Amino acid sequence: MGKEYYVYIMASKKDGVLYIGITSDLVKRIWEHKEGITKGFTGKYKIKKLVYFEIYNDPETAIKREKNMKAWKRSWKTEIIENNNPKWEDLYDTII
């Protein structure tokens, strides 16, 4: 099995501030966000809930997807979250 890449969406709360990122180590990266190790946008807005993620085998595909999703309208981001996680539950426990 090759390396995996993750495009993920985090939220401050249901219908709150959203953040889209990419990583090759989802557990570690989300832990960093939750612990406040990651400064900047997520720290400023207290974004700590993993609400959606996708898995890719190819880094270029994952990077393209992340850039594409960042350009989406908010309603599209909300729709993809609610179609997969209607209660906006924190998915971190499902990945550790």
PDB file of N, CA and C in Angstrom:
ATOM      1  N   MET A   1       0.852  -1.181   0.000  1.00  0.00           N
ATOM      2  CA  MET A   1       0.000   0.000   0.000  1.00  0.00           C
ATOM      3  C   MET A   1       0.894   1.240   0.000  1.00  0.00           C
ATOM      4  N   GLY A   2       0.579   2.183  -0.863  1.00  0.00           N
ATOM      5  CA  GLY A   2       1.361   3.405  -0.962  1.00  0.00           C
ATOM      6  C   GLY A   2       0.923   4.442   0.052  1.00  0.00           C
ATOM      7  N   LYS A   3       1.577   5.556  -0.014  1.00  0.00           N
ATOM      8  CA  LYS A   3       1.284   6.659   0.892  1.00  0.00           C
ATOM      9  C   LYS A   3      -0.087   7.252   0.560  1.00  0.00           C
ATOM     10  N   GLU A   4      -0.768   7.693   1.592  1.00  0.00           N
ATOM     11  CA  GLU A   4      -2.078   8.313   1.407  1.00  0.00           C
ATOM     12  C   GLU A   4      -1.997   9.806   1.718  1.00  0.00           C
ATOM     13  N   TYR A   5      -2.855  10.557   1.048  1.00  0.00           N
ATOM     14  CA  TYR A   5      -2.943  12.001   1.223  1.00  0.00           C
ATOM     15  C   TYR A   5      -4.394  12.343   1.533  1.00  0.00           C
ATOM     16  N   TYR A   6      -4.581  13.290   2.415  1.00  0.00           N
ATOM     17  CA  TYR A   6      -5.916  13.621   2.896  1.00  0.00           C
ATOM     18  C   TYR A   6      -6.231  15.095   2.647  1.00  0.00           C
ATOM     19  N   VAL A   7      -7.406  15.329   2.118  1.00  0.00           N
ATOM     20  CA  VAL A   7      -7.961  16.680   2.045  1.00  0.00           C
ATOM     21  C   VAL A   7      -9.048  16.699   3.107  1.00  0.00           C
ATOM     22  N   TYR A   8      -9.010  17.704   3.964  1.00  0.00           N
ATOM     23  CA  TYR A   8      -9.920  17.696   5.100  1.00  0.00           C
ATOM     24  C   TYR A   8     -10.559  19.064   5.320  1.00  0.00           C
ATOM     25  N   ILE A   9     -11.724  19.014   5.969  1.00  0.00           N
ATOM     26  CA  ILE A   9     -12.414  20.237   6.367  1.00  0.00           C
ATOM     27  C   ILE A   9     -12.587  20.194   7.873  1.00  0.00           C
ATOM     28  N   MET A  10     -12.211  21.301   8.495  1.00  0.00           N
ATOM     29  CA  MET A  10     -12.408  21.461   9.936  1.00  0.00           C
ATOM     30  C   MET A  10     -13.370  22.623  10.147  1.00  0.00           C
ATOM     31  N   ALA A  11     -14.045  22.606  11.296  1.00  0.00           N
ATOM     32  CA  ALA A  11     -15.003  23.662  11.620  1.00  0.00           C
ATOM     33  C   ALA A  11     -14.860  24.066  13.078  1.00  0.00           C
ATOM     34  N   SER A  12     -15.213  25.313  13.351  1.00  0.00           N
ATOM     35  CA  SER A  12     -15.216  25.783  14.734  1.00  0.00           C
ATOM     36  C   SER A  12     -16.441  25.249  15.470  1.00  0.00           C
ATOM     37  N   LYS A  13     -17.535  25.065  14.729  1.00  0.00           N
ATOM     38  CA  LYS A  13     -18.801  24.529  15.238  1.00  0.00           C
ATOM     39  C   LYS A  13     -19.711  24.317  14.040  1.00  0.00           C
ATOM     40  N   LYS A  14     -20.894  23.784  14.254  1.00  0.00           N
ATOM     41  CA  LYS A  14     -21.853  23.619  13.155  1.00  0.00           C
ATOM     42  C   LYS A  14     -22.139  24.982  12.557  1.00  0.00           C
ATOM     43  N   ASP A  15     -22.008  25.074  11.252  1.00  0.00           N
ATOM     44  CA  ASP A  15     -22.211  26.326  10.508  1.00  0.00           C
ATOM     45  C   ASP A  15     -21.241  27.424  10.931  1.00  0.00           C
ATOM     46  N   GLY A  16     -20.120  27.039  11.536  1.00  0.00           N
ATOM     47  CA  GLY A  16     -19.115  28.008  11.981  1.00  0.00           C
ATOM     48  C   GLY A  16     -18.058  28.254  10.919  1.00  0.00           C
ATOM     49  N   VAL A  17     -16.915  28.722  11.365  1.00  0.00           N
ATOM     50  CA  VAL A  17     -15.800  29.013  10.479  1.00  0.00           C
ATOM     51  C   VAL A  17     -15.214  27.695   9.966  1.00  0.00           C
ATOM     52  N   LEU A  18     -14.903  27.638   8.673  1.00  0.00           N
ATOM     53  CA  LEU A  18     -14.367  26.429   8.052  1.00  0.00           C
ATOM     54  C   LEU A  18     -12.910  26.618   7.643  1.00  0.00           C
ATOM     55  N   TYR A  19     -12.191  25.510   7.652  1.00  0.00           N
ATOM     56  CA  TYR A  19     -10.808  25.487   7.184  1.00  0.00           C
ATOM     57  C   TYR A  19     -10.619  24.233   6.345  1.00  0.00           C
ATOM     58  N   ILE A  20      -9.986  24.381   5.195  1.00  0.00           N
ATOM     59  CA  ILE A  20      -9.690  23.241   4.324  1.00  0.00           C
ATOM     60  C   ILE A  20      -8.182  23.095   4.249  1.00  0.00           C
ATOM     61  N   GLY A  21      -7.706  21.871   4.446  1.00  0.00           N
ATOM     62  CA  GLY A  21      -6.275  21.616   4.410  1.00  0.00           C
ATOM     63  C   GLY A  21      -5.945  20.298   3.737  1.00  0.00           C
ATOM     64  N   ILE A  22      -4.652  20.037   3.630  1.00  0.00           N
ATOM     65  CA  ILE A  22      -4.159  18.799   3.031  1.00  0.00           C
ATOM     66  C   ILE A  22      -2.998  18.303   3.888  1.00  0.00           C
ATOM     67  N   THR A  23      -2.872  16.987   3.997  1.00  0.00           N
ATOM     68  CA  THR A  23      -1.800  16.393   4.792  1.00  0.00           C
ATOM     69  C   THR A  23      -1.579  14.947   4.362  1.00  0.00           C
ATOM     70  N   SER A  24      -0.421  14.421   4.716  1.00  0.00           N
ATOM     71  CA  SER A  24      -0.170  12.988   4.499  1.00  0.00           C
ATOM     72  C   SER A  24      -0.287  12.224   5.812  1.00  0.00           C
ATOM     73  N   ASP A  25      -0.527  12.934   6.904  1.00  0.00           N
ATOM     74  CA  ASP A  25      -0.696  12.296   8.219  1.00  0.00           C
ATOM     75  C   ASP A  25      -1.883  12.967   8.920  1.00  0.00           C
ATOM     76  N   LEU A  26      -3.067  12.474   8.646  1.00  0.00           N
ATOM     77  CA  LEU A  26      -4.295  13.111   9.125  1.00  0.00           C
ATOM     78  C   LEU A  26      -4.387  13.128  10.648  1.00  0.00           C
ATOM     79  N   VAL A  27      -4.076  12.028  11.286  1.00  0.00           N
ATOM     80  CA  VAL A  27      -4.172  11.965  12.750  1.00  0.00           C
ATOM     81  C   VAL A  27      -3.270  13.017  13.391  1.00  0.00           C
ATOM     82  N   LYS A  28      -2.022  13.058  12.960  1.00  0.00           N
ATOM     83  CA  LYS A  28      -1.071  14.016  13.528  1.00  0.00           C
ATOM     84  C   LYS A  28      -1.508  15.454  13.252  1.00  0.00           C
ATOM     85  N   ARG A  29      -1.916  15.724  12.029  1.00  0.00           N
ATOM     86  CA  ARG A  29      -2.278  17.096  11.658  1.00  0.00           C
ATOM     87  C   ARG A  29      -3.496  17.596  12.433  1.00  0.00           C
ATOM     88  N   ILE A  30      -4.511  16.770  12.577  1.00  0.00           N
ATOM     89  CA  ILE A  30      -5.703  17.184  13.317  1.00  0.00           C
ATOM     90  C   ILE A  30      -5.356  17.358  14.795  1.00  0.00           C
ATOM     91  N   TRP A  31      -4.513  16.473  15.332  1.00  0.00           N
ATOM     92  CA  TRP A  31      -4.062  16.620  16.718  1.00  0.00           C
ATOM     93  C   TRP A  31      -3.366  17.967  16.895  1.00  0.00           C
ATOM     94  N   GLU A  32      -2.532  18.354  15.945  1.00  0.00           N
ATOM     95  CA  GLU A  32      -1.848  19.646  16.014  1.00  0.00           C
ATOM     96  C   GLU A  32      -2.845  20.804  16.056  1.00  0.00           C
ATOM     97  N   HIS A  33      -3.873  20.726  15.228  1.00  0.00           N
ATOM     98  CA  HIS A  33      -4.920  21.753  15.247  1.00  0.00           C
ATOM     99  C   HIS A  33      -5.613  21.783  16.607  1.00  0.00           C
ATOM    100  N   LYS A  34      -5.983  20.620  17.103  1.00  0.00           N
ATOM    101  CA  LYS A  34      -6.709  20.534  18.370  1.00  0.00           C
ATOM    102  C   LYS A  34      -5.886  21.039  19.561  1.00  0.00           C
ATOM    103  N   GLU A  35      -4.599  20.777  19.531  1.00  0.00           N
ATOM    104  CA  GLU A  35      -3.726  21.170  20.630  1.00  0.00           C
ATOM    105  C   GLU A  35      -3.233  22.612  20.517  1.00  0.00           C
ATOM    106  N   GLY A  36      -3.595  23.270  19.437  1.00  0.00           N
ATOM    107  CA  GLY A  36      -3.183  24.659  19.263  1.00  0.00           C
ATOM    108  C   GLY A  36      -1.738  24.809  18.826  1.00  0.00           C
ATOM    109  N   ILE A  37      -1.126  23.724  18.389  1.00  0.00           N
ATOM    110  CA  ILE A  37       0.254  23.774  17.919  1.00  0.00           C
ATOM    111  C   ILE A  37       0.318  24.547  16.601  1.00  0.00           C
ATOM    112  N   THR A  38      -0.739  24.408  15.810  1.00  0.00           N
ATOM    113  CA  THR A  38      -0.825  25.112  14.547  1.00  0.00           C
ATOM    114  C   THR A  38      -1.305  26.531  14.804  1.00  0.00           C
ATOM    115  N   LYS A  39      -0.442  27.480  14.568  1.00  0.00           N
ATOM    116  CA  LYS A  39      -0.815  28.883  14.751  1.00  0.00           C
ATOM    117  C   LYS A  39      -1.473  29.381  13.471  1.00  0.00           C
ATOM    118  N   GLY A  40      -1.985  30.571  13.513  1.00  0.00           N
ATOM    119  CA  GLY A  40      -2.573  31.149  12.316  1.00  0.00           C
ATOM    120  C   GLY A  40      -4.087  31.042  12.325  1.00  0.00           C
ATOM    121  N   PHE A  41      -4.659  30.784  11.172  1.00  0.00           N
ATOM    122  CA  PHE A  41      -6.098  30.824  10.970  1.00  0.00           C
ATOM    123  C   PHE A  41      -6.865  29.914  11.921  1.00  0.00           C
ATOM    124  N   THR A  42      -6.463  28.643  12.010  1.00  0.00           N
ATOM    125  CA  THR A  42      -7.209  27.702  12.854  1.00  0.00           C
ATOM    126  C   THR A  42      -7.108  28.045  14.325  1.00  0.00           C
ATOM    127  N   GLY A  43      -5.966  28.534  14.734  1.00  0.00           N
ATOM    128  CA  GLY A  43      -5.803  28.953  16.125  1.00  0.00           C
ATOM    129  C   GLY A  43      -6.609  30.202  16.437  1.00  0.00           C
ATOM    130  N   LYS A  44      -6.568  31.149  15.534  1.00  0.00           N
ATOM    131  CA  LYS A  44      -7.278  32.421  15.722  1.00  0.00           C
ATOM    132  C   LYS A  44      -8.779  32.198  15.872  1.00  0.00           C
ATOM    133  N   TYR A  45      -9.332  31.315  15.061  1.00  0.00           N
ATOM    134  CA  TYR A  45     -10.782  31.096  15.056  1.00  0.00           C
ATOM    135  C   TYR A  45     -11.213  29.848  15.828  1.00  0.00           C
ATOM    136  N   LYS A  46     -10.286  29.246  16.570  1.00  0.00           N
ATOM    137  CA  LYS A  46     -10.581  28.078  17.413  1.00  0.00           C
ATOM    138  C   LYS A  46     -11.250  26.948  16.620  1.00  0.00           C
ATOM    139  N   ILE A  47     -10.659  26.630  15.499  1.00  0.00           N
ATOM    140  CA  ILE A  47     -11.176  25.577  14.617  1.00  0.00           C
ATOM    141  C   ILE A  47     -10.553  24.261  15.051  1.00  0.00           C
ATOM    142  N   LYS A  48     -11.361  23.380  15.640  1.00  0.00           N
ATOM    143  CA  LYS A  48     -10.829  22.148  16.232  1.00  0.00           C
ATOM    144  C   LYS A  48     -11.593  20.877  15.860  1.00  0.00           C
ATOM    145  N   LYS A  49     -12.676  20.991  15.103  1.00  0.00           N
ATOM    146  CA  LYS A  49     -13.485  19.818  14.769  1.00  0.00           C
ATOM    147  C   LYS A  49     -13.222  19.348  13.341  1.00  0.00           C
ATOM    148  N   LEU A  50     -12.797  18.104  13.195  1.00  0.00           N
ATOM    149  CA  LEU A  50     -12.685  17.491  11.876  1.00  0.00           C
ATOM    150  C   LEU A  50     -14.092  17.068  11.449  1.00  0.00           C
ATOM    151  N   VAL A  51     -14.613  17.669  10.397  1.00  0.00           N
ATOM    152  CA  VAL A  51     -15.988  17.362   9.997  1.00  0.00           C
ATOM    153  C   VAL A  51     -16.084  16.628   8.664  1.00  0.00           C
ATOM    154  N   TYR A  52     -14.973  16.571   7.916  1.00  0.00           N
ATOM    155  CA  TYR A  52     -15.010  15.892   6.614  1.00  0.00           C
ATOM    156  C   TYR A  52     -13.579  15.630   6.152  1.00  0.00           C
ATOM    157  N   PHE A  53     -13.366  14.505   5.461  1.00  0.00           N
ATOM    158  CA  PHE A  53     -12.075  14.259   4.825  1.00  0.00           C
ATOM    159  C   PHE A  53     -12.227  13.293   3.656  1.00  0.00           C
ATOM    160  N   GLU A  54     -11.284  13.384   2.747  1.00  0.00           N
ATOM    161  CA  GLU A  54     -11.193  12.506   1.591  1.00  0.00           C
ATOM    162  C   GLU A  54      -9.781  11.944   1.536  1.00  0.00           C
ATOM    163  N   ILE A  55      -9.629  10.750   0.978  1.00  0.00           N
ATOM    164  CA  ILE A  55      -8.335  10.079   0.903  1.00  0.00           C
ATOM    165  C   ILE A  55      -7.930   9.935  -0.562  1.00  0.00           C
ATOM    166  N   TYR A  56      -6.656  10.232  -0.831  1.00  0.00           N
ATOM    167  CA  TYR A  56      -6.105  10.119  -2.179  1.00  0.00           C
ATOM    168  C   TYR A  56      -4.790   9.360  -2.127  1.00  0.00           C
ATOM    169  N   ASN A  57      -4.462   8.664  -3.216  1.00  0.00           N
ATOM    170  CA  ASN A  57      -3.194   7.951  -3.323  1.00  0.00           C
ATOM    171  C   ASN A  57      -2.139   8.776  -4.044  1.00  0.00           C
ATOM    172  N   ASP A  58      -2.578   9.842  -4.691  1.00  0.00           N
ATOM    173  CA  ASP A  58      -1.696  10.670  -5.500  1.00  0.00           C
ATOM    174  C   ASP A  58      -1.645  12.094  -4.951  1.00  0.00           C
ATOM    175  N   PRO A  59      -0.468  12.606  -4.621  1.00  0.00           N
ATOM    176  CA  PRO A  59      -0.404  13.944  -4.030  1.00  0.00           C
ATOM    177  C   PRO A  59      -0.896  15.055  -4.959  1.00  0.00           C
ATOM    178  N   GLU A  60      -0.624  14.934  -6.243  1.00  0.00           N
ATOM    179  CA  GLU A  60      -1.066  15.971  -7.182  1.00  0.00           C
ATOM    180  C   GLU A  60      -2.590  16.063  -7.236  1.00  0.00           C
ATOM    181  N   THR A  61      -3.248  14.921  -7.220  1.00  0.00           N
ATOM    182  CA  THR A  61      -4.710  14.899  -7.229  1.00  0.00           C
ATOM    183  C   THR A  61      -5.257  15.526  -5.953  1.00  0.00           C
ATOM    184  N   ALA A  62      -4.644  15.206  -4.834  1.00  0.00           N
ATOM    185  CA  ALA A  62      -5.083  15.766  -3.554  1.00  0.00           C
ATOM    186  C   ALA A  62      -4.887  17.283  -3.528  1.00  0.00           C
ATOM    187  N   ILE A  63      -3.771  17.757  -4.021  1.00  0.00           N
ATOM    188  CA  ILE A  63      -3.504  19.197  -4.049  1.00  0.00           C
ATOM    189  C   ILE A  63      -4.519  19.913  -4.935  1.00  0.00           C
ATOM    190  N   LYS A  64      -4.815  19.343  -6.088  1.00  0.00           N
ATOM    191  CA  LYS A  64      -5.820  19.941  -6.985  1.00  0.00           C
ATOM    192  C   LYS A  64      -7.186  19.994  -6.312  1.00  0.00           C
ATOM    193  N   ARG A  65      -7.537  18.915  -5.624  1.00  0.00           N
ATOM    194  CA  ARG A  65      -8.832  18.860  -4.934  1.00  0.00           C
ATOM    195  C   ARG A  65      -8.907  19.919  -3.839  1.00  0.00           C
ATOM    196  N   GLU A  66      -7.841  20.054  -3.054  1.00  0.00           N
ATOM    197  CA  GLU A  66      -7.824  21.056  -1.992  1.00  0.00           C
ATOM    198  C   GLU A  66      -8.012  22.459  -2.572  1.00  0.00           C
ATOM    199  N   LYS A  67      -7.265  22.781  -3.600  1.00  0.00           N
ATOM    200  CA  LYS A  67      -7.379  24.114  -4.216  1.00  0.00           C
ATOM    201  C   LYS A  67      -8.769  24.349  -4.776  1.00  0.00           C
ATOM    202  N   ASN A  68      -9.327  23.313  -5.384  1.00  0.00           N
ATOM    203  CA  ASN A  68     -10.677  23.405  -5.933  1.00  0.00           C
ATOM    204  C   ASN A  68     -11.696  23.669  -4.834  1.00  0.00           C
ATOM    205  N   MET A  69     -11.601  22.902  -3.744  1.00  0.00           N
ATOM    206  CA  MET A  69     -12.553  23.050  -2.637  1.00  0.00           C
ATOM    207  C   MET A  69     -12.436  24.417  -1.968  1.00  0.00           C
ATOM    208  N   LYS A  70     -11.219  24.935  -1.855  1.00  0.00           N
ATOM    209  CA  LYS A  70     -11.038  26.254  -1.250  1.00  0.00           C
ATOM    210  C   LYS A  70     -11.736  27.336  -2.065  1.00  0.00           C
ATOM    211  N   ALA A  71     -11.877  27.109  -3.360  1.00  0.00           N
ATOM    212  CA  ALA A  71     -12.529  28.092  -4.238  1.00  0.00           C
ATOM    213  C   ALA A  71     -14.055  27.949  -4.268  1.00  0.00           C
ATOM    214  N   TRP A  72     -14.566  26.895  -3.667  1.00  0.00           N
ATOM    215  CA  TRP A  72     -16.012  26.664  -3.658  1.00  0.00           C
ATOM    216  C   TRP A  72     -16.757  27.748  -2.889  1.00  0.00           C
ATOM    217  N   LYS A  73     -18.031  27.889  -3.255  1.00  0.00           N
ATOM    218  CA  LYS A  73     -18.944  28.712  -2.450  1.00  0.00           C
ATOM    219  C   LYS A  73     -19.151  28.011  -1.113  1.00  0.00           C
ATOM    220  N   ARG A  74     -19.451  28.785  -0.112  1.00  0.00           N
ATOM    221  CA  ARG A  74     -19.681  28.208   1.228  1.00  0.00           C
ATOM    222  C   ARG A  74     -20.795  27.165   1.192  1.00  0.00           C
ATOM    223  N   SER A  75     -21.839  27.420   0.440  1.00  0.00           N
ATOM    224  CA  SER A  75     -22.970  26.482   0.387  1.00  0.00           C
ATOM    225  C   SER A  75     -22.535  25.113  -0.138  1.00  0.00           C
ATOM    226  N   TRP A  76     -21.577  25.069  -1.041  1.00  0.00           N
ATOM    227  CA  TRP A  76     -21.080  23.790  -1.556  1.00  0.00           C
ATOM    228  C   TRP A  76     -20.288  23.057  -0.478  1.00  0.00           C
ATOM    229  N   LYS A  77     -19.501  23.799   0.291  1.00  0.00           N
ATOM    230  CA  LYS A  77     -18.732  23.190   1.380  1.00  0.00           C
ATOM    231  C   LYS A  77     -19.674  22.620   2.440  1.00  0.00           C
ATOM    232  N   THR A  78     -20.681  23.402   2.783  1.00  0.00           N
ATOM    233  CA  THR A  78     -21.670  22.954   3.767  1.00  0.00           C
ATOM    234  C   THR A  78     -22.394  21.710   3.261  1.00  0.00           C
ATOM    235  N   GLU A  79     -22.731  21.692   1.989  1.00  0.00           N
ATOM    236  CA  GLU A  79     -23.450  20.548   1.418  1.00  0.00           C
ATOM    237  C   GLU A  79     -22.629  19.267   1.498  1.00  0.00           C
ATOM    238  N   ILE A  80     -21.349  19.335   1.172  1.00  0.00           N
ATOM    239  CA  ILE A  80     -20.523  18.116   1.215  1.00  0.00           C
ATOM    240  C   ILE A  80     -20.359  17.622   2.649  1.00  0.00           C
ATOM    241  N   ILE A  81     -20.271  18.553   3.594  1.00  0.00           N
ATOM    242  CA  ILE A  81     -20.187  18.150   5.009  1.00  0.00           C
ATOM    243  C   ILE A  81     -21.497  17.483   5.421  1.00  0.00           C
ATOM    244  N   GLU A  82     -22.612  18.129   5.172  1.00  0.00           N
ATOM    245  CA  GLU A  82     -23.900  17.622   5.646  1.00  0.00           C
ATOM    246  C   GLU A  82     -24.324  16.338   4.950  1.00  0.00           C
ATOM    247  N   ASN A  83     -23.889  16.126   3.707  1.00  0.00           N
ATOM    248  CA  ASN A  83     -24.200  14.866   3.021  1.00  0.00           C
ATOM    249  C   ASN A  83     -23.461  13.691   3.651  1.00  0.00           C
ATOM    250  N   ASN A  84     -22.322  13.961   4.268  1.00  0.00           N
ATOM    251  CA  ASN A  84     -21.495  12.899   4.847  1.00  0.00           C
ATOM    252  C   ASN A  84     -21.481  12.894   6.366  1.00  0.00           C
ATOM    253  N   ASN A  85     -21.802  14.018   6.969  1.00  0.00           N
ATOM    254  CA  ASN A  85     -21.736  14.169   8.426  1.00  0.00           C
ATOM    255  C   ASN A  85     -22.825  15.170   8.847  1.00  0.00           C
ATOM    256  N   PRO A  86     -24.100  14.766   8.747  1.00  0.00           N
ATOM    257  CA  PRO A  86     -25.207  15.703   8.950  1.00  0.00           C
ATOM    258  C   PRO A  86     -25.237  16.414  10.299  1.00  0.00           C
ATOM    259  N   LYS A  87     -24.663  15.797  11.321  1.00  0.00           N
ATOM    260  CA  LYS A  87     -24.664  16.415  12.654  1.00  0.00           C
ATOM    261  C   LYS A  87     -23.383  17.204  12.926  1.00  0.00           C
ATOM    262  N   TRP A  88     -22.513  17.291  11.937  1.00  0.00           N
ATOM    263  CA  TRP A  88     -21.234  17.999  12.081  1.00  0.00           C
ATOM    264  C   TRP A  88     -20.447  17.461  13.285  1.00  0.00           C
ATOM    265  N   GLU A  89     -20.467  16.146  13.463  1.00  0.00           N
ATOM    266  CA  GLU A  89     -19.739  15.543  14.572  1.00  0.00           C
ATOM    267  C   GLU A  89     -18.238  15.584  14.304  1.00  0.00           C
ATOM    268  N   ASP A  90     -17.458  15.634  15.349  1.00  0.00           N
ATOM    269  CA  ASP A  90     -16.006  15.614  15.238  1.00  0.00           C
ATOM    270  C   ASP A  90     -15.598  14.189  14.866  1.00  0.00           C
ATOM    271  N   LEU A  91     -14.964  14.020  13.729  1.00  0.00           N
ATOM    272  CA  LEU A  91     -14.586  12.697  13.218  1.00  0.00           C
ATOM    273  C   LEU A  91     -13.229  12.230  13.717  1.00  0.00           C
ATOM    274  N   TYR A  92     -12.586  13.034  14.533  1.00  0.00           N
ATOM    275  CA  TYR A  92     -11.237  12.689  14.993  1.00  0.00           C
ATOM    276  C   TYR A  92     -11.180  11.309  15.654  1.00  0.00           C
ATOM    277  N   ASP A  93     -12.143  10.997  16.508  1.00  0.00           N
ATOM    278  CA  ASP A  93     -12.148   9.703  17.197  1.00  0.00           C
ATOM    279  C   ASP A  93     -12.287   8.529  16.230  1.00  0.00           C
ATOM    280  N   THR A  94     -12.849   8.766  15.047  1.00  0.00           N
ATOM    281  CA  THR A  94     -13.011   7.686  14.069  1.00  0.00           C
ATOM    282  C   THR A  94     -11.712   7.397  13.313  1.00  0.00           C
ATOM    283  N   ILE A  95     -10.744   8.311  13.373  1.00  0.00           N
ATOM    284  CA  ILE A  95      -9.501   8.107  12.635  1.00  0.00           C
ATOM    285  C   ILE A  95      -8.319   7.694  13.514  1.00  0.00           C
ATOM    286  N   ILE A  96      -8.492   7.797  14.842  1.00  0.00           N
ATOM    287  CA  ILE A  96      -7.358   7.425  15.710  1.00  0.00           C
ATOM    288  C   ILE A  96      -7.460   5.965  16.128  1.00  0.00           C
TER     289      ILE A  96
END
